[in-house]
């Protein structure tokens, strides 16, 4: 419930920060990271595909690192700088919420498995 609520909150707040995130270059970095992940995941079933996808993987990696290097380079107004700082703080908060929820979920699954197997 906490994770779902936090996710909804982050979605609504990200709409507010959409323009700042665009100016910072965050969507470009995220799109590049997604492209790299998709290429790697598509290659897992058949290692030969990794060799075939190397040029695409190299291009996506280059785009990703270029996007990372560009983050924060755009000139921002004072209000946008304040929004960027707030967005960074909230991203850390959301990450902690998600990690905490994941730890609780894993602990619950382990507890259930131990209980069902008679070890708990």
N, C-alpha and C. Protein backbone atom coordinates (compact mmCIF):
# COMPACT_ATOMS: atom_id res chain seq x y z
N UNK A 1 0.83 -1.19 0.00
CA UNK A 1 0.00 0.00 0.00
C UNK A 1 0.88 1.26 0.00
N UNK A 2 1.93 1.23 0.82
CA UNK A 2 2.81 2.40 0.88
C UNK A 2 3.49 2.61 -0.46
N UNK A 3 3.94 1.53 -1.08
CA UNK A 3 4.60 1.63 -2.37
C UNK A 3 3.65 2.17 -3.43
N UNK A 4 2.43 1.65 -3.45
CA UNK A 4 1.46 2.11 -4.44
C UNK A 4 1.13 3.59 -4.22
N UNK A 5 0.93 3.97 -2.98
CA UNK A 5 0.64 5.37 -2.68
C UNK A 5 1.80 6.27 -3.05
N UNK A 6 3.00 5.82 -2.75
CA UNK A 6 4.19 6.61 -3.08
C UNK A 6 4.34 6.71 -4.60
N UNK A 7 4.04 5.63 -5.30
CA UNK A 7 4.12 5.65 -6.75
C UNK A 7 3.13 6.64 -7.35
N UNK A 8 1.91 6.67 -6.84
CA UNK A 8 0.92 7.63 -7.32
C UNK A 8 1.35 9.07 -7.02
N UNK A 9 1.89 9.26 -5.83
CA UNK A 9 2.37 10.59 -5.45
C UNK A 9 3.50 11.02 -6.38
N UNK A 10 4.44 10.11 -6.62
CA UNK A 10 5.57 10.47 -7.48
C UNK A 10 5.11 10.76 -8.90
N UNK A 11 4.13 10.01 -9.39
CA UNK A 11 3.60 10.25 -10.74
C UNK A 11 3.02 11.66 -10.84
N UNK A 12 2.20 12.02 -9.85
CA UNK A 12 1.58 13.36 -9.88
C UNK A 12 2.63 14.45 -9.77
N UNK A 13 3.64 14.26 -8.94
CA UNK A 13 4.65 15.28 -8.77
C UNK A 13 5.58 15.34 -9.98
N UNK A 14 5.83 14.21 -10.62
CA UNK A 14 6.68 14.24 -11.81
C UNK A 14 6.02 15.01 -12.95
N UNK A 15 4.70 14.98 -13.01
CA UNK A 15 4.02 15.80 -14.02
C UNK A 15 4.36 17.26 -13.78
N UNK A 16 4.42 17.65 -12.50
CA UNK A 16 4.76 19.04 -12.16
C UNK A 16 6.19 19.37 -12.58
N UNK A 17 7.10 18.42 -12.43
CA UNK A 17 8.51 18.65 -12.71
C UNK A 17 8.92 18.24 -14.12
N UNK A 18 7.95 17.94 -14.98
CA UNK A 18 8.26 17.42 -16.31
C UNK A 18 9.16 18.35 -17.11
N UNK A 19 8.88 19.64 -17.10
CA UNK A 19 9.68 20.59 -17.88
C UNK A 19 11.11 20.70 -17.34
N UNK A 20 11.25 20.71 -16.02
CA UNK A 20 12.59 20.76 -15.43
C UNK A 20 13.37 19.50 -15.78
N UNK A 21 12.72 18.35 -15.69
CA UNK A 21 13.38 17.09 -16.02
C UNK A 21 13.81 17.08 -17.49
N UNK A 22 12.97 17.62 -18.36
CA UNK A 22 13.32 17.68 -19.78
C UNK A 22 14.53 18.58 -19.99
N UNK A 23 14.53 19.74 -19.34
CA UNK A 23 15.66 20.66 -19.49
C UNK A 23 16.95 20.05 -18.94
N UNK A 24 16.83 19.27 -17.87
CA UNK A 24 18.01 18.64 -17.28
C UNK A 24 18.54 17.49 -18.14
N UNK A 25 17.71 16.96 -19.03
CA UNK A 25 18.12 15.86 -19.89
C UNK A 25 17.83 14.49 -19.32
N UNK A 26 16.98 14.43 -18.29
CA UNK A 26 16.67 13.14 -17.66
C UNK A 26 15.92 12.18 -18.58
N UNK A 27 14.95 12.65 -19.40
CA UNK A 27 14.26 11.70 -20.29
C UNK A 27 15.20 11.05 -21.30
N UNK A 28 16.16 11.81 -21.82
CA UNK A 28 17.11 11.25 -22.79
C UNK A 28 17.95 10.16 -22.14
N UNK A 29 18.40 10.39 -20.91
CA UNK A 29 19.19 9.38 -20.20
C UNK A 29 18.34 8.15 -19.91
N UNK A 30 17.09 8.36 -19.51
CA UNK A 30 16.21 7.23 -19.22
C UNK A 30 15.91 6.43 -20.48
N UNK A 31 15.63 7.11 -21.59
CA UNK A 31 15.37 6.41 -22.85
C UNK A 31 16.58 5.59 -23.29
N UNK A 32 17.76 6.14 -23.12
CA UNK A 32 18.98 5.43 -23.49
C UNK A 32 19.19 4.20 -22.62
N UNK A 33 18.93 4.34 -21.32
CA UNK A 33 19.08 3.21 -20.40
C UNK A 33 18.08 2.10 -20.75
N UNK A 34 16.88 2.49 -21.13
CA UNK A 34 15.86 1.51 -21.53
C UNK A 34 16.30 0.79 -22.80
N UNK A 35 16.87 1.52 -23.75
CA UNK A 35 17.33 0.89 -25.00
C UNK A 35 18.44 -0.12 -24.72
N UNK A 36 19.36 0.22 -23.83
CA UNK A 36 20.44 -0.71 -23.48
C UNK A 36 19.86 -1.96 -22.83
N UNK A 37 18.94 -1.77 -21.89
CA UNK A 37 18.32 -2.90 -21.20
C UNK A 37 17.57 -3.80 -22.17
N UNK A 38 16.83 -3.22 -23.10
CA UNK A 38 16.08 -4.01 -24.08
C UNK A 38 17.02 -4.82 -24.97
N UNK A 39 18.14 -4.22 -25.37
CA UNK A 39 19.10 -4.94 -26.21
C UNK A 39 19.72 -6.11 -25.45
N UNK A 40 20.08 -5.87 -24.20
CA UNK A 40 20.69 -6.94 -23.40
C UNK A 40 19.68 -8.05 -23.14
N UNK A 41 18.45 -7.69 -22.77
CA UNK A 41 17.43 -8.69 -22.48
C UNK A 41 17.08 -9.50 -23.73
N UNK A 42 17.07 -8.86 -24.88
CA UNK A 42 16.76 -9.58 -26.13
C UNK A 42 17.89 -10.54 -26.49
N UNK A 43 19.09 -10.27 -26.03
CA UNK A 43 20.24 -11.10 -26.38
C UNK A 43 20.45 -12.27 -25.42
N UNK A 44 19.82 -12.25 -24.27
CA UNK A 44 20.06 -13.30 -23.26
C UNK A 44 19.70 -14.69 -23.77
N UNK A 45 18.56 -14.90 -24.43
CA UNK A 45 18.24 -16.27 -24.86
C UNK A 45 19.25 -16.85 -25.84
N UNK A 46 19.90 -16.01 -26.63
CA UNK A 46 20.83 -16.49 -27.64
C UNK A 46 22.08 -15.62 -27.62
N UNK A 47 23.18 -16.13 -27.06
CA UNK A 47 24.41 -15.33 -26.96
C UNK A 47 24.93 -14.81 -28.30
N UNK A 48 24.59 -15.47 -29.39
CA UNK A 48 25.01 -14.99 -30.71
C UNK A 48 24.40 -13.62 -30.99
N UNK A 49 23.20 -13.39 -30.47
CA UNK A 49 22.54 -12.10 -30.68
C UNK A 49 23.34 -10.95 -30.06
N UNK A 50 24.09 -11.25 -28.99
CA UNK A 50 24.92 -10.21 -28.37
C UNK A 50 25.92 -9.69 -29.40
N UNK A 51 26.52 -10.61 -30.14
CA UNK A 51 27.48 -10.19 -31.16
C UNK A 51 26.80 -9.39 -32.27
N UNK A 52 25.60 -9.83 -32.65
CA UNK A 52 24.87 -9.11 -33.70
C UNK A 52 24.40 -7.74 -33.23
N UNK A 53 24.11 -7.63 -31.93
CA UNK A 53 23.60 -6.37 -31.38
C UNK A 53 24.71 -5.45 -30.86
N UNK A 54 25.97 -5.86 -30.98
CA UNK A 54 27.06 -5.03 -30.46
C UNK A 54 27.06 -3.61 -31.03
N UNK A 55 26.88 -3.42 -32.34
CA UNK A 55 26.86 -2.04 -32.84
C UNK A 55 25.72 -1.22 -32.22
N UNK A 56 24.53 -1.82 -32.10
CA UNK A 56 23.40 -1.11 -31.50
C UNK A 56 23.66 -0.84 -30.02
N UNK A 57 24.26 -1.82 -29.34
CA UNK A 57 24.57 -1.67 -27.93
C UNK A 57 25.60 -0.57 -27.72
N UNK A 58 26.60 -0.54 -28.59
CA UNK A 58 27.62 0.51 -28.51
C UNK A 58 26.99 1.88 -28.73
N UNK A 59 26.12 1.99 -29.73
CA UNK A 59 25.46 3.27 -30.02
C UNK A 59 24.57 3.72 -28.86
N UNK A 60 23.82 2.78 -28.30
CA UNK A 60 22.94 3.11 -27.17
C UNK A 60 23.77 3.51 -25.94
N UNK A 61 24.89 2.82 -25.72
CA UNK A 61 25.75 3.16 -24.59
C UNK A 61 26.35 4.55 -24.77
N UNK A 62 26.78 4.86 -25.98
CA UNK A 62 27.35 6.17 -26.28
C UNK A 62 26.30 7.26 -26.04
N UNK A 63 25.08 7.01 -26.50
CA UNK A 63 23.98 7.96 -26.31
C UNK A 63 23.68 8.15 -24.81
N UNK A 64 23.75 7.03 -24.05
CA UNK A 64 23.48 7.07 -22.61
C UNK A 64 24.53 7.92 -21.89
N UNK A 65 25.80 7.67 -22.17
CA UNK A 65 26.85 8.42 -21.49
C UNK A 65 26.86 9.88 -21.92
N UNK A 66 26.52 10.15 -23.16
CA UNK A 66 26.41 11.54 -23.62
C UNK A 66 25.26 12.23 -22.88
N UNK A 67 24.15 11.50 -22.71
CA UNK A 67 23.00 12.07 -21.99
C UNK A 67 23.34 12.30 -20.52
N UNK A 68 24.06 11.35 -19.91
CA UNK A 68 24.46 11.53 -18.51
C UNK A 68 25.36 12.75 -18.36
N UNK A 69 26.27 12.92 -19.29
CA UNK A 69 27.17 14.06 -19.24
C UNK A 69 26.46 15.39 -19.41
N UNK A 70 25.32 15.36 -20.10
CA UNK A 70 24.58 16.59 -20.35
C UNK A 70 23.64 16.97 -19.22
N UNK A 71 23.41 16.04 -18.29
CA UNK A 71 22.48 16.33 -17.19
C UNK A 71 23.01 17.50 -16.38
N UNK A 72 22.16 18.45 -16.20
CA UNK A 72 22.51 19.61 -15.39
C UNK A 72 23.30 20.68 -16.12
N UNK A 73 23.59 20.51 -17.39
CA UNK A 73 24.37 21.48 -18.14
C UNK A 73 23.51 22.62 -18.71
N UNK A 74 22.23 22.39 -18.84
CA UNK A 74 21.34 23.40 -19.42
C UNK A 74 21.19 24.57 -18.45
N UNK A 75 21.13 25.78 -18.97
CA UNK A 75 20.92 26.93 -18.09
C UNK A 75 19.52 26.90 -17.49
N UNK A 76 19.43 27.04 -16.19
CA UNK A 76 18.15 27.00 -15.50
C UNK A 76 17.90 28.33 -14.79
N UNK A 77 16.63 28.70 -14.71
CA UNK A 77 16.27 29.87 -13.91
C UNK A 77 16.39 29.50 -12.43
N UNK A 78 16.30 30.47 -11.56
CA UNK A 78 16.38 30.19 -10.13
C UNK A 78 15.24 29.29 -9.68
N UNK A 79 14.06 29.50 -10.22
CA UNK A 79 12.91 28.65 -9.87
C UNK A 79 13.15 27.22 -10.34
N UNK A 80 13.67 27.05 -11.55
CA UNK A 80 13.96 25.72 -12.06
C UNK A 80 15.07 25.04 -11.25
N UNK A 81 16.06 25.80 -10.80
CA UNK A 81 17.11 25.23 -9.94
C UNK A 81 16.51 24.73 -8.63
N UNK A 82 15.61 25.50 -8.08
CA UNK A 82 14.93 25.09 -6.84
C UNK A 82 14.10 23.83 -7.08
N UNK A 83 13.38 23.80 -8.21
CA UNK A 83 12.58 22.62 -8.56
C UNK A 83 13.47 21.40 -8.77
N UNK A 84 14.64 21.60 -9.40
CA UNK A 84 15.56 20.48 -9.63
C UNK A 84 16.08 19.92 -8.31
N UNK A 85 16.38 20.79 -7.38
CA UNK A 85 16.85 20.34 -6.06
C UNK A 85 15.75 19.57 -5.33
N UNK A 86 14.53 20.10 -5.38
CA UNK A 86 13.40 19.43 -4.75
C UNK A 86 13.14 18.08 -5.40
N UNK A 87 13.23 18.03 -6.73
CA UNK A 87 13.02 16.78 -7.45
C UNK A 87 14.06 15.74 -7.04
N UNK A 88 15.32 16.15 -6.90
CA UNK A 88 16.38 15.23 -6.48
C UNK A 88 16.11 14.70 -5.08
N UNK A 89 15.69 15.56 -4.17
CA UNK A 89 15.39 15.11 -2.81
C UNK A 89 14.22 14.14 -2.80
N UNK A 90 13.20 14.42 -3.59
CA UNK A 90 12.04 13.53 -3.64
C UNK A 90 12.40 12.20 -4.29
N UNK A 91 13.28 12.22 -5.27
CA UNK A 91 13.70 10.96 -5.91
C UNK A 91 14.40 10.07 -4.90
N UNK A 92 15.21 10.66 -4.03
CA UNK A 92 15.88 9.88 -2.98
C UNK A 92 14.84 9.32 -2.01
N UNK A 93 13.89 10.15 -1.64
CA UNK A 93 12.81 9.70 -0.74
C UNK A 93 12.05 8.52 -1.35
N UNK A 94 11.69 8.64 -2.64
CA UNK A 94 10.94 7.56 -3.30
C UNK A 94 11.79 6.30 -3.40
N UNK A 95 13.08 6.46 -3.63
CA UNK A 95 13.96 5.28 -3.70
C UNK A 95 13.98 4.56 -2.37
N UNK A 96 14.07 5.30 -1.27
CA UNK A 96 14.06 4.67 0.06
C UNK A 96 12.73 3.96 0.33
N UNK A 97 11.63 4.59 -0.07
CA UNK A 97 10.31 3.96 0.11
C UNK A 97 10.26 2.64 -0.67
N UNK A 98 10.72 2.66 -1.92
CA UNK A 98 10.69 1.46 -2.75
C UNK A 98 11.62 0.37 -2.20
N UNK A 99 12.82 0.76 -1.75
CA UNK A 99 13.74 -0.23 -1.18
C UNK A 99 13.18 -0.83 0.10
N UNK A 100 12.60 0.02 0.95
CA UNK A 100 12.01 -0.48 2.19
C UNK A 100 10.86 -1.43 1.92
N UNK A 101 10.02 -1.08 0.97
CA UNK A 101 8.90 -1.96 0.62
C UNK A 101 9.40 -3.28 0.06
N UNK A 102 10.47 -3.24 -0.73
CA UNK A 102 11.04 -4.46 -1.29
C UNK A 102 11.60 -5.36 -0.19
N UNK A 103 12.29 -4.77 0.78
CA UNK A 103 12.84 -5.55 1.90
C UNK A 103 11.71 -6.20 2.69
N UNK A 104 10.64 -5.45 2.93
CA UNK A 104 9.50 -6.02 3.66
C UNK A 104 8.87 -7.15 2.86
N UNK A 105 8.73 -6.97 1.55
CA UNK A 105 8.15 -8.01 0.69
C UNK A 105 9.00 -9.27 0.72
N UNK A 106 10.32 -9.13 0.55
CA UNK A 106 11.21 -10.29 0.55
C UNK A 106 11.18 -10.98 1.91
N UNK A 107 11.19 -10.20 2.99
CA UNK A 107 11.11 -10.78 4.33
C UNK A 107 9.82 -11.56 4.54
N UNK A 108 8.73 -11.03 4.01
CA UNK A 108 7.45 -11.72 4.12
C UNK A 108 7.47 -13.03 3.34
N UNK A 109 7.99 -13.00 2.12
CA UNK A 109 8.07 -14.22 1.31
C UNK A 109 8.95 -15.26 2.00
N UNK A 110 10.09 -14.86 2.52
CA UNK A 110 10.97 -15.80 3.23
C UNK A 110 10.26 -16.38 4.43
N UNK A 111 9.55 -15.52 5.20
CA UNK A 111 8.81 -16.00 6.36
C UNK A 111 7.73 -17.02 5.99
N UNK A 112 7.02 -16.74 4.91
CA UNK A 112 5.97 -17.67 4.46
C UNK A 112 6.58 -19.00 4.02
N UNK A 113 7.66 -18.94 3.26
CA UNK A 113 8.32 -20.17 2.80
C UNK A 113 8.82 -20.97 3.98
N UNK A 114 9.47 -20.30 4.93
CA UNK A 114 9.97 -21.02 6.12
C UNK A 114 8.84 -21.62 6.93
N UNK A 115 7.73 -20.90 7.04
CA UNK A 115 6.58 -21.41 7.78
C UNK A 115 5.96 -22.61 7.08
N UNK A 116 5.86 -22.55 5.74
CA UNK A 116 5.27 -23.65 4.98
C UNK A 116 6.15 -24.89 4.97
N UNK A 117 7.46 -24.70 5.04
CA UNK A 117 8.36 -25.84 5.02
C UNK A 117 8.65 -26.38 6.42
N UNK A 118 8.10 -25.73 7.44
CA UNK A 118 8.27 -26.21 8.81
C UNK A 118 9.56 -25.77 9.47
N UNK A 119 10.26 -24.84 8.90
CA UNK A 119 11.50 -24.36 9.49
C UNK A 119 11.31 -23.09 10.31
N UNK A 120 10.12 -22.55 10.34
CA UNK A 120 9.88 -21.25 10.99
C UNK A 120 9.23 -21.32 12.29
